[in-house]
């Protein structure tokens, strides 16, 4: 059978048509060439997009790895050098009073009984954290921004002022730093106020100051959590790790739901602390682990 030809006398190529079970003719070569060019352009765009994603991921890792590394080193140093046997004993008693529903007797209880009680106490702590997280998500969903930001600022000021003051007080007593009460309170109030301003306002404030206050917040938290006994620390670590996985990966997880809300076009803006407190939570778990290890080896 003679193939049909075009105006130049060249035979037209046949292409198989899967929908009709036969072949169909292409009138000229331009259609084929245009299809090839479109597919090539699409492949180039995919490659460029993949490279951009790779560069963005590498840059993000580089940006976050330095402050996290500094935080872990400073947290380990704080747990090691800003503690005394008396403060460790007092801190353990206070943490047990504040966070343990079922008291753990490390001297008389067996190891299995201690683990069971610590897992039960950890479950209570994680339940409270999950409930508060759902409350934050509901406040954001229904646009109660003043209440939400006010709560966040109050919690940050309490963390930097009260818990940070306790850490500074232990350092002053251990190293016998000469300072009067008025100067101590003045420095502490300014430290807390400037920290809240740098974290939530951040206009005209250098980025390294904001990062420094976020690092200080993580160090203070890890120093406080290091006063748990070793078994309580590890059980709490496991419970918080499981909670983080459920909160981020499950469809009903509060953090996943929060991220979906924040990605909406009409979503209100939030300060960086709101995002950082959840992004850094897995790294805070590593700080707890370091605190436990350092205190166990001392």
Protein backbone atom coordinates (compact mmCIF):
# COMPACT_ATOMS: atom_id res chain seq x y z
CA UNK A 1 0.00 0.00 0.00
CA UNK A 2 1.31 3.42 -0.96
CA UNK A 3 1.86 5.81 1.97
CA UNK A 4 0.26 9.26 1.63
CA UNK A 5 2.68 12.06 1.00
CA UNK A 6 2.77 15.78 1.75
CA UNK A 7 3.42 18.70 -0.60
CA UNK A 8 7.18 17.98 -0.63
CA UNK A 9 6.64 14.41 -1.69
CA UNK A 10 7.77 13.02 1.72
CA UNK A 11 5.75 10.27 3.26
CA UNK A 12 3.74 11.29 6.28
CA UNK A 13 4.48 9.30 9.48
CA UNK A 14 1.80 7.09 10.89
CA UNK A 15 1.07 7.11 14.67
CA UNK A 16 -0.82 4.43 16.44
CA UNK A 17 -4.13 5.55 17.91
CA UNK A 18 -4.85 3.48 21.05
CA UNK A 19 -8.41 4.80 21.31
CA UNK A 20 -9.36 3.60 17.82
CA UNK A 21 -7.14 0.56 17.59
CA UNK A 22 -5.44 1.75 14.39
CA UNK A 23 -3.14 4.35 12.95
CA UNK A 24 -3.77 8.01 12.38
CA UNK A 25 -1.88 10.36 10.08
CA UNK A 26 -0.14 13.50 11.19
CA UNK A 27 -0.47 16.25 8.61
CA UNK A 28 3.04 17.62 9.10
CA UNK A 29 6.11 17.29 11.21
CA UNK A 30 5.50 20.54 13.13
CA UNK A 31 2.96 18.90 15.42
CA UNK A 32 5.43 16.20 16.38
CA UNK A 33 8.20 18.71 16.93
CA UNK A 34 5.96 20.94 19.08
CA UNK A 35 5.00 17.96 21.22
CA UNK A 36 8.65 17.07 21.69
CA UNK A 37 9.53 20.65 22.59
CA UNK A 38 6.72 20.86 25.14
CA UNK A 39 7.79 17.63 26.80
CA UNK A 40 11.42 18.82 26.86
CA UNK A 41 10.40 22.16 28.42
CA UNK A 42 8.34 20.32 31.01
CA UNK A 43 11.29 18.10 31.91
CA UNK A 44 13.56 21.14 32.21
CA UNK A 45 11.07 22.84 34.52
CA UNK A 46 10.84 19.72 36.67
CA UNK A 47 14.63 19.51 36.92
CA UNK A 48 14.90 23.23 37.78
CA UNK A 49 12.16 22.88 40.39
CA UNK A 50 13.89 19.90 41.94
CA UNK A 51 17.19 21.80 42.11
CA UNK A 52 15.46 24.80 43.70
CA UNK A 53 13.83 22.55 46.27
CA UNK A 54 17.15 20.90 47.01
CA UNK A 55 18.92 24.24 47.45
CA UNK A 56 16.11 25.53 49.66
CA UNK A 57 16.26 22.41 51.84
CA UNK A 58 20.04 22.67 52.18
CA UNK A 59 19.80 26.35 53.08
CA UNK A 60 17.06 25.67 55.64
CA UNK A 61 19.14 22.92 57.25
CA UNK A 62 22.19 25.21 57.39
CA UNK A 63 20.17 28.05 58.93
CA UNK A 64 18.64 25.92 61.66
CA UNK A 65 21.58 23.60 62.41
CA UNK A 66 23.86 26.32 63.85
CA UNK A 67 21.48 27.72 66.50
CA UNK A 68 20.31 24.21 67.42
CA UNK A 69 23.92 23.04 67.87
CA UNK A 70 24.70 26.10 70.01
CA UNK A 71 21.56 25.45 72.08
CA UNK A 72 22.47 21.83 72.74
CA UNK A 73 26.02 22.72 73.79
CA UNK A 74 24.89 25.56 76.07
CA UNK A 75 22.15 23.40 77.60
CA UNK A 76 24.65 20.66 78.41
CA UNK A 77 27.06 23.20 79.92
CA UNK A 78 24.28 24.80 81.99
CA UNK A 79 23.16 21.44 83.38
CA UNK A 80 26.75 20.51 84.21
CA UNK A 81 28.13 23.74 85.66
CA UNK A 82 25.08 25.61 87.01
CA UNK A 83 24.04 22.96 89.50
CA UNK A 84 25.05 21.74 92.93
CA UNK A 85 24.02 18.57 94.77
CA UNK A 86 21.69 20.68 96.90
CA UNK A 87 20.02 22.38 93.94
CA UNK A 88 19.62 19.04 92.14
CA UNK A 89 17.94 17.52 95.20
CA UNK A 90 15.71 20.56 95.73
CA UNK A 91 14.86 20.74 92.02
CA UNK A 92 13.95 17.06 91.91
CA UNK A 93 11.61 17.51 94.88
CA UNK A 94 9.96 20.58 93.33
CA UNK A 95 9.56 18.92 89.91
CA UNK A 96 8.06 15.84 91.56
CA UNK A 97 5.62 18.02 93.48
CA UNK A 98 4.63 20.05 90.45
CA UNK A 99 4.44 17.41 87.70
CA UNK A 100 3.93 14.01 89.33
CA UNK A 101 0.37 12.90 89.99
CA UNK A 102 1.68 9.64 91.43
CA UNK A 103 4.74 10.16 93.60
CA UNK A 104 7.75 8.02 92.75
CA UNK A 105 9.92 6.72 95.58
CA UNK A 106 13.28 6.01 94.03
CA UNK A 107 14.58 4.38 97.23
CA UNK A 108 11.78 1.91 98.02
CA UNK A 109 9.92 1.34 94.73
CA UNK A 110 11.14 -1.34 92.35
CA UNK A 111 12.35 -0.38 88.89
CA UNK A 112 9.24 -1.75 87.17
CA UNK A 113 6.98 0.14 89.57
CA UNK A 114 8.94 3.35 88.99
CA UNK A 115 8.65 2.92 85.21
CA UNK A 116 4.91 2.30 85.43
CA UNK A 117 4.35 5.39 87.60
CA UNK A 118 6.61 7.52 85.40
CA UNK A 119 4.75 6.46 82.25
CA UNK A 120 1.45 7.31 83.94
CA UNK A 121 2.79 10.72 84.99
CA UNK A 122 4.17 11.27 81.49
CA UNK A 123 0.78 10.44 80.00
CA UNK A 124 -0.82 13.10 82.22
CA UNK A 125 1.78 15.70 81.17
CA UNK A 126 1.33 14.89 77.46
CA UNK A 127 -2.46 15.04 77.85
CA UNK A 128 -2.21 18.52 79.34
CA UNK A 129 0.15 19.63 76.55
CA UNK A 130 -2.20 18.20 73.90
CA UNK A 131 -5.23 19.91 75.45
CA UNK A 132 -3.43 23.26 75.54
CA UNK A 133 -2.32 22.79 71.93
CA UNK A 134 -5.90 22.15 70.83
CA UNK A 135 -6.91 25.29 72.74
CA UNK A 136 -4.29 27.31 70.84
CA UNK A 137 -5.54 25.87 67.53
CA UNK A 138 -9.13 26.83 68.38
CA UNK A 139 -8.08 30.36 69.33
CA UNK A 140 -6.28 30.70 65.99
CA UNK A 141 -9.16 29.16 64.04
CA UNK A 142 -11.73 31.58 65.46
CA UNK A 143 -9.36 34.56 65.15
CA UNK A 144 -8.97 35.27 68.89
CA UNK A 145 -5.57 36.74 68.12
CA UNK A 146 -5.33 39.20 71.01
CA UNK A 147 -5.98 36.46 73.55
CA UNK A 148 -3.53 34.13 71.82
CA UNK A 149 -0.71 36.64 71.47
CA UNK A 150 -1.29 37.87 75.04
CA UNK A 151 -1.00 34.32 76.35
CA UNK A 152 2.17 33.72 74.34
CA UNK A 153 3.79 36.93 75.57
CA UNK A 154 2.86 36.18 79.18
CA UNK A 155 4.28 32.64 78.99
CA UNK A 156 7.52 33.88 77.39
CA UNK A 157 7.96 36.61 79.99
CA UNK A 158 7.34 34.08 82.79
CA UNK A 159 9.87 31.72 81.26
CA UNK A 160 12.58 34.35 80.87
CA UNK A 161 11.85 36.22 84.09
CA UNK A 162 10.96 33.60 86.72
CA UNK A 163 12.58 30.40 85.48
CA UNK A 164 15.54 32.33 84.08
CA UNK A 165 15.88 34.14 87.41
CA UNK A 166 16.06 30.79 89.21
CA UNK A 167 18.89 29.67 86.91
CA UNK A 168 20.77 32.95 87.40
CA UNK A 169 20.27 32.74 91.16
CA UNK A 170 21.87 29.29 91.29
CA UNK A 171 24.82 30.54 89.21
CA UNK A 172 25.26 33.56 91.52
CA UNK A 173 25.23 31.39 94.64
CA UNK A 174 27.55 28.74 93.23
CA UNK A 175 30.17 31.13 91.85
CA UNK A 176 29.66 33.78 94.55
CA UNK A 177 29.05 36.63 92.13
CA UNK A 178 28.75 39.90 94.06
CA UNK A 179 25.41 41.54 93.22
CA UNK A 180 22.72 43.26 95.27
CA UNK A 181 19.02 42.41 95.17
CA UNK A 182 17.94 45.60 93.38
CA UNK A 183 20.46 45.13 90.55
CA UNK A 184 19.47 41.49 90.17
CA UNK A 185 15.76 42.34 89.84
CA UNK A 186 16.51 45.26 87.49
CA UNK A 187 18.60 43.07 85.17
CA UNK A 188 16.02 40.29 85.26
CA UNK A 189 13.08 42.57 84.39
CA UNK A 190 15.00 44.15 81.52
CA UNK A 191 16.08 40.72 80.29
CA UNK A 192 12.46 39.51 80.19
CA UNK A 193 10.99 42.67 78.63
CA UNK A 194 13.65 42.95 75.93
CA UNK A 195 13.29 39.23 75.21
CA UNK A 196 9.53 39.44 74.69
CA UNK A 197 9.98 42.52 72.50
CA UNK A 198 12.69 40.85 70.40
CA UNK A 199 10.66 37.68 69.91
CA UNK A 200 7.22 39.13 69.21
CA UNK A 201 7.88 42.63 67.85
CA UNK A 202 11.35 42.33 66.30
CA UNK A 203 11.09 45.61 64.35
CA UNK A 204 14.50 47.27 64.24
CA UNK A 205 16.04 44.49 66.34
CA UNK A 206 18.89 42.47 64.79
CA UNK A 207 18.11 38.86 63.99
CA UNK A 208 20.93 37.52 66.15
CA UNK A 209 19.35 39.08 69.26
CA UNK A 210 16.04 37.34 68.57
CA UNK A 211 17.86 34.07 67.94
CA UNK A 212 19.83 34.58 71.15
CA UNK A 213 16.64 34.90 73.19
CA UNK A 214 15.15 31.81 71.56
CA UNK A 215 18.32 29.91 72.44
CA UNK A 216 18.16 31.24 76.00
CA UNK A 217 14.54 30.07 76.30
CA UNK A 218 15.48 26.55 75.20
CA UNK A 219 18.45 26.44 77.58
CA UNK A 220 16.27 27.53 80.51
CA UNK A 221 13.65 24.87 79.67
CA UNK A 222 16.24 22.12 79.39
CA UNK A 223 17.88 23.20 82.67
CA UNK A 224 14.53 22.99 84.46
CA UNK A 225 13.65 19.60 82.97
CA UNK A 226 17.06 18.20 83.93
CA UNK A 227 15.89 18.09 87.56
CA UNK A 228 13.68 15.10 86.81
CA UNK A 229 15.16 11.79 87.86
CA UNK A 230 16.67 9.69 85.09
CA UNK A 231 13.74 7.29 84.64
CA UNK A 232 11.22 10.16 84.58
CA UNK A 233 13.32 11.98 82.00
CA UNK A 234 13.47 9.03 79.61
CA UNK A 235 9.81 8.11 79.99
CA UNK A 236 8.81 11.73 79.37
CA UNK A 237 11.12 11.77 76.35
CA UNK A 238 9.37 8.72 74.86
CA UNK A 239 5.89 10.08 75.57
CA UNK A 240 6.69 13.49 74.05
CA UNK A 241 8.28 11.84 71.01
CA UNK A 242 5.14 9.78 70.38
CA UNK A 243 3.00 12.88 70.90
CA UNK A 244 5.03 14.85 68.35
CA UNK A 245 4.59 12.09 65.78
CA UNK A 246 0.85 11.93 66.35
CA UNK A 247 0.42 15.71 66.39
CA UNK A 248 2.26 16.21 63.10
CA UNK A 249 1.59 13.07 61.05
CA UNK A 250 -1.94 11.97 61.92
CA UNK A 251 -4.91 13.59 60.11
CA UNK A 252 -6.42 14.73 63.42
CA UNK A 253 -3.12 16.01 64.82
CA UNK A 254 -3.34 19.56 66.20
CA UNK A 255 -0.06 20.73 64.69
CA UNK A 256 -0.99 19.42 61.26
CA UNK A 257 -4.36 21.11 61.54
CA UNK A 258 -2.64 24.32 62.62
CA UNK A 259 -0.26 24.24 59.64
CA UNK A 260 -3.22 23.79 57.29
CA UNK A 261 -4.95 26.78 58.89
CA UNK A 262 -1.85 28.96 58.58
CA UNK A 263 -1.50 28.08 54.89
CA UNK A 264 -4.88 29.60 54.02
CA UNK A 265 -4.89 32.81 52.02
CA UNK A 266 -6.86 34.75 54.64
CA UNK A 267 -4.92 33.36 57.62
CA UNK A 268 -3.78 36.05 60.09
CA UNK A 269 -0.08 36.56 60.61
CA UNK A 270 1.58 35.13 63.67
CA UNK A 271 4.84 36.07 65.42
CA UNK A 272 7.84 33.89 64.80
CA UNK A 273 7.76 32.50 68.33
CA UNK A 274 4.48 30.75 67.60
CA UNK A 275 6.11 28.74 64.83
CA UNK A 276 9.47 28.30 66.54
CA UNK A 277 7.97 26.82 69.70
CA UNK A 278 6.64 23.89 67.65
CA UNK A 279 9.46 23.58 65.18
CA UNK A 280 12.06 23.41 67.95
CA UNK A 281 10.08 20.93 70.07
CA UNK A 282 11.92 17.87 68.64
CA UNK A 283 15.23 19.58 69.39
CA UNK A 284 14.05 20.32 72.94
CA UNK A 285 13.63 16.57 73.32
CA UNK A 286 17.30 16.13 72.44
CA UNK A 287 18.16 18.73 75.04
CA UNK A 288 16.27 16.74 77.66
CA UNK A 289 18.20 13.64 76.61
CA UNK A 290 21.53 15.46 76.90
CA UNK A 291 20.56 16.81 80.31
CA UNK A 292 19.75 13.34 81.56
CA UNK A 293 22.95 11.85 80.19
CA UNK A 294 25.17 14.57 81.61
CA UNK A 295 23.58 14.37 85.04
CA UNK A 296 23.83 10.56 85.04
CA UNK A 297 27.56 10.65 84.31
CA UNK A 298 28.39 13.36 86.88
